[in-house]
Amino acid sequence: MKINFDFSFNVHENRFFSGIIVQNEMGLIMGACTYPHSHVADVFVAKAQVCERAIWFARDLGFYSV
């Protein structure tokens, strides 16, 4: 499995939205989602949170070999 993720951060409101796509070895999309996040201190924290959320999303889909 391969996980791609990205996010857009709003500095003025300290919140961001993340997008996550999980693909199999053939490149087929096995799952995709978006999540809103609020009360985020800065971009560094946002990047860490979206990375963690991507791992949780793959685990929730039942993928343990990412």
N, C-alpha and C. Protein backbone atom coordinates (compact mmCIF):
# COMPACT_ATOMS: atom_id res chain seq x y z
N MET A 1 0.83 -1.18 0.00
CA MET A 1 0.00 0.00 0.00
C MET A 1 0.88 1.24 0.00
N LYS A 2 0.35 2.27 -0.57
CA LYS A 2 1.02 3.57 -0.60
C LYS A 2 0.01 4.61 -0.15
N ILE A 3 0.45 5.52 0.72
CA ILE A 3 -0.43 6.58 1.21
C ILE A 3 0.11 7.92 0.73
N ASN A 4 -0.75 8.70 0.09
CA ASN A 4 -0.41 10.07 -0.28
C ASN A 4 -1.32 10.98 0.54
N PHE A 5 -0.76 12.08 1.02
CA PHE A 5 -1.57 13.03 1.77
C PHE A 5 -1.05 14.44 1.57
N ASP A 6 -1.93 15.38 1.77
CA ASP A 6 -1.58 16.79 1.69
C ASP A 6 -2.57 17.56 2.56
N PHE A 7 -2.27 18.83 2.78
CA PHE A 7 -3.16 19.63 3.62
C PHE A 7 -3.09 21.09 3.20
N SER A 8 -4.11 21.83 3.58
CA SER A 8 -4.10 23.28 3.38
C SER A 8 -4.35 23.92 4.74
N PHE A 9 -3.47 24.84 5.10
CA PHE A 9 -3.46 25.44 6.44
C PHE A 9 -3.93 26.89 6.37
N ASN A 10 -4.85 27.26 7.25
CA ASN A 10 -5.32 28.64 7.36
C ASN A 10 -4.69 29.26 8.60
N VAL A 11 -3.72 30.14 8.40
CA VAL A 11 -2.96 30.74 9.51
C VAL A 11 -3.85 31.59 10.40
N HIS A 12 -4.78 32.32 9.81
CA HIS A 12 -5.61 33.25 10.59
C HIS A 12 -6.59 32.55 11.52
N GLU A 13 -7.04 31.37 11.14
CA GLU A 13 -8.02 30.63 11.95
C GLU A 13 -7.41 29.44 12.66
N ASN A 14 -6.11 29.16 12.46
CA ASN A 14 -5.41 28.02 13.09
C ASN A 14 -6.15 26.70 12.86
N ARG A 15 -6.51 26.47 11.61
CA ARG A 15 -7.14 25.21 11.26
C ARG A 15 -6.68 24.79 9.87
N PHE A 16 -6.88 23.51 9.57
CA PHE A 16 -6.50 23.01 8.26
C PHE A 16 -7.38 21.85 7.85
N PHE A 17 -7.35 21.55 6.57
CA PHE A 17 -8.05 20.41 6.01
C PHE A 17 -7.01 19.49 5.39
N SER A 18 -7.17 18.20 5.62
CA SER A 18 -6.23 17.24 5.06
C SER A 18 -6.96 16.32 4.09
N GLY A 19 -6.23 15.87 3.08
CA GLY A 19 -6.74 14.90 2.12
C GLY A 19 -5.81 13.71 2.07
N ILE A 20 -6.37 12.51 2.05
CA ILE A 20 -5.58 11.28 2.11
C ILE A 20 -6.08 10.32 1.03
N ILE A 21 -5.13 9.70 0.31
CA ILE A 21 -5.45 8.68 -0.69
C ILE A 21 -4.59 7.46 -0.41
N VAL A 22 -5.22 6.28 -0.38
CA VAL A 22 -4.50 5.02 -0.19
C VAL A 22 -4.59 4.24 -1.49
N GLN A 23 -3.42 3.82 -2.03
CA GLN A 23 -3.37 3.08 -3.28
C GLN A 23 -2.71 1.73 -3.07
N ASN A 24 -3.11 0.75 -3.89
CA ASN A 24 -2.46 -0.55 -3.82
C ASN A 24 -1.23 -0.57 -4.73
N GLU A 25 -0.59 -1.72 -4.83
CA GLU A 25 0.66 -1.82 -5.61
C GLU A 25 0.44 -1.59 -7.11
N MET A 26 -0.79 -1.71 -7.58
CA MET A 26 -1.10 -1.47 -8.99
C MET A 26 -1.51 -0.02 -9.24
N GLY A 27 -1.57 0.80 -8.20
CA GLY A 27 -1.96 2.20 -8.33
C GLY A 27 -3.45 2.44 -8.22
N LEU A 28 -4.22 1.40 -7.95
CA LEU A 28 -5.67 1.56 -7.79
C LEU A 28 -5.98 2.18 -6.43
N ILE A 29 -6.91 3.10 -6.41
CA ILE A 29 -7.29 3.77 -5.17
C ILE A 29 -8.13 2.85 -4.32
N MET A 30 -7.67 2.57 -3.11
CA MET A 30 -8.36 1.69 -2.18
C MET A 30 -9.19 2.48 -1.16
N GLY A 31 -8.89 3.75 -1.02
CA GLY A 31 -9.64 4.59 -0.09
C GLY A 31 -9.18 6.03 -0.21
N ALA A 32 -10.08 6.96 0.08
CA ALA A 32 -9.75 8.38 0.05
C ALA A 32 -10.64 9.09 1.06
N CYS A 33 -10.11 10.15 1.66
CA CYS A 33 -10.90 10.89 2.64
C CYS A 33 -10.35 12.29 2.83
N THR A 34 -11.14 13.14 3.45
CA THR A 34 -10.71 14.46 3.88
C THR A 34 -11.12 14.63 5.33
N TYR A 35 -10.33 15.40 6.07
CA TYR A 35 -10.61 15.65 7.48
C TYR A 35 -10.38 17.12 7.80
N PRO A 36 -11.29 17.73 8.56
CA PRO A 36 -11.03 19.08 9.08
C PRO A 36 -10.30 18.98 10.42
N HIS A 37 -9.42 19.91 10.68
CA HIS A 37 -8.70 19.97 11.95
C HIS A 37 -8.75 21.41 12.44
N SER A 38 -8.91 21.62 13.73
CA SER A 38 -8.94 22.97 14.27
C SER A 38 -8.03 23.09 15.48
N HIS A 39 -7.79 24.33 15.89
CA HIS A 39 -6.93 24.64 17.04
C HIS A 39 -5.51 24.10 16.85
N VAL A 40 -4.92 24.39 15.69
CA VAL A 40 -3.58 23.93 15.36
C VAL A 40 -2.61 25.08 15.56
N ALA A 41 -1.51 24.81 16.25
CA ALA A 41 -0.55 25.86 16.61
C ALA A 41 0.17 26.43 15.39
N ASP A 42 0.69 25.58 14.51
CA ASP A 42 1.44 26.05 13.35
C ASP A 42 1.49 24.98 12.27
N VAL A 43 2.17 25.29 11.17
CA VAL A 43 2.23 24.38 10.03
C VAL A 43 2.96 23.08 10.38
N PHE A 44 3.99 23.15 11.20
CA PHE A 44 4.74 21.95 11.60
C PHE A 44 3.82 20.96 12.30
N VAL A 45 3.00 21.45 13.22
CA VAL A 45 2.05 20.59 13.94
C VAL A 45 1.01 20.04 12.96
N ALA A 46 0.55 20.86 12.03
CA ALA A 46 -0.43 20.41 11.04
C ALA A 46 0.13 19.25 10.22
N LYS A 47 1.38 19.37 9.79
CA LYS A 47 1.99 18.31 8.98
C LYS A 47 2.11 17.01 9.78
N ALA A 48 2.47 17.11 11.05
CA ALA A 48 2.57 15.93 11.90
C ALA A 48 1.19 15.29 12.09
N GLN A 49 0.18 16.10 12.30
CA GLN A 49 -1.17 15.57 12.52
C GLN A 49 -1.73 14.89 11.27
N VAL A 50 -1.48 15.44 10.09
CA VAL A 50 -2.00 14.81 8.88
C VAL A 50 -1.26 13.51 8.60
N CYS A 51 0.01 13.43 8.92
CA CYS A 51 0.75 12.19 8.76
C CYS A 51 0.19 11.11 9.69
N GLU A 52 -0.06 11.48 10.93
CA GLU A 52 -0.63 10.54 11.89
C GLU A 52 -2.03 10.10 11.45
N ARG A 53 -2.85 11.04 10.97
CA ARG A 53 -4.21 10.73 10.53
C ARG A 53 -4.18 9.78 9.33
N ALA A 54 -3.20 9.92 8.44
CA ALA A 54 -3.07 9.03 7.29
C ALA A 54 -2.79 7.60 7.73
N ILE A 55 -1.96 7.43 8.72
CA ILE A 55 -1.66 6.09 9.25
C ILE A 55 -2.90 5.49 9.89
N TRP A 56 -3.63 6.28 10.67
CA TRP A 56 -4.86 5.79 11.29
C TRP A 56 -5.89 5.39 10.22
N PHE A 57 -5.99 6.19 9.17
CA PHE A 57 -6.95 5.90 8.11
C PHE A 57 -6.64 4.56 7.44
N ALA A 58 -5.38 4.33 7.12
CA ALA A 58 -4.98 3.05 6.51
C ALA A 58 -5.26 1.89 7.46
N ARG A 59 -4.98 2.08 8.73
CA ARG A 59 -5.25 1.03 9.72
C ARG A 59 -6.74 0.75 9.82
N ASP A 60 -7.56 1.81 9.81
CA ASP A 60 -9.01 1.64 9.88
C ASP A 60 -9.56 0.90 8.66
N LEU A 61 -8.88 1.03 7.52
CA LEU A 61 -9.28 0.30 6.32
C LEU A 61 -8.83 -1.16 6.36
N GLY A 62 -8.00 -1.50 7.35
CA GLY A 62 -7.54 -2.88 7.48
C GLY A 62 -6.19 -3.15 6.85
N PHE A 63 -5.48 -2.12 6.47
CA PHE A 63 -4.16 -2.26 5.85
C PHE A 63 -3.08 -2.11 6.92
N TYR A 64 -2.28 -3.13 7.12
CA TYR A 64 -1.26 -3.08 8.14
C TYR A 64 0.15 -3.11 7.55
N SER A 65 0.27 -3.30 6.23
CA SER A 65 1.56 -3.29 5.57
C SER A 65 1.58 -2.11 4.61
N VAL A 66 2.00 -0.98 5.12
CA VAL A 66 1.96 0.27 4.34
C VAL A 66 3.37 0.66 3.96
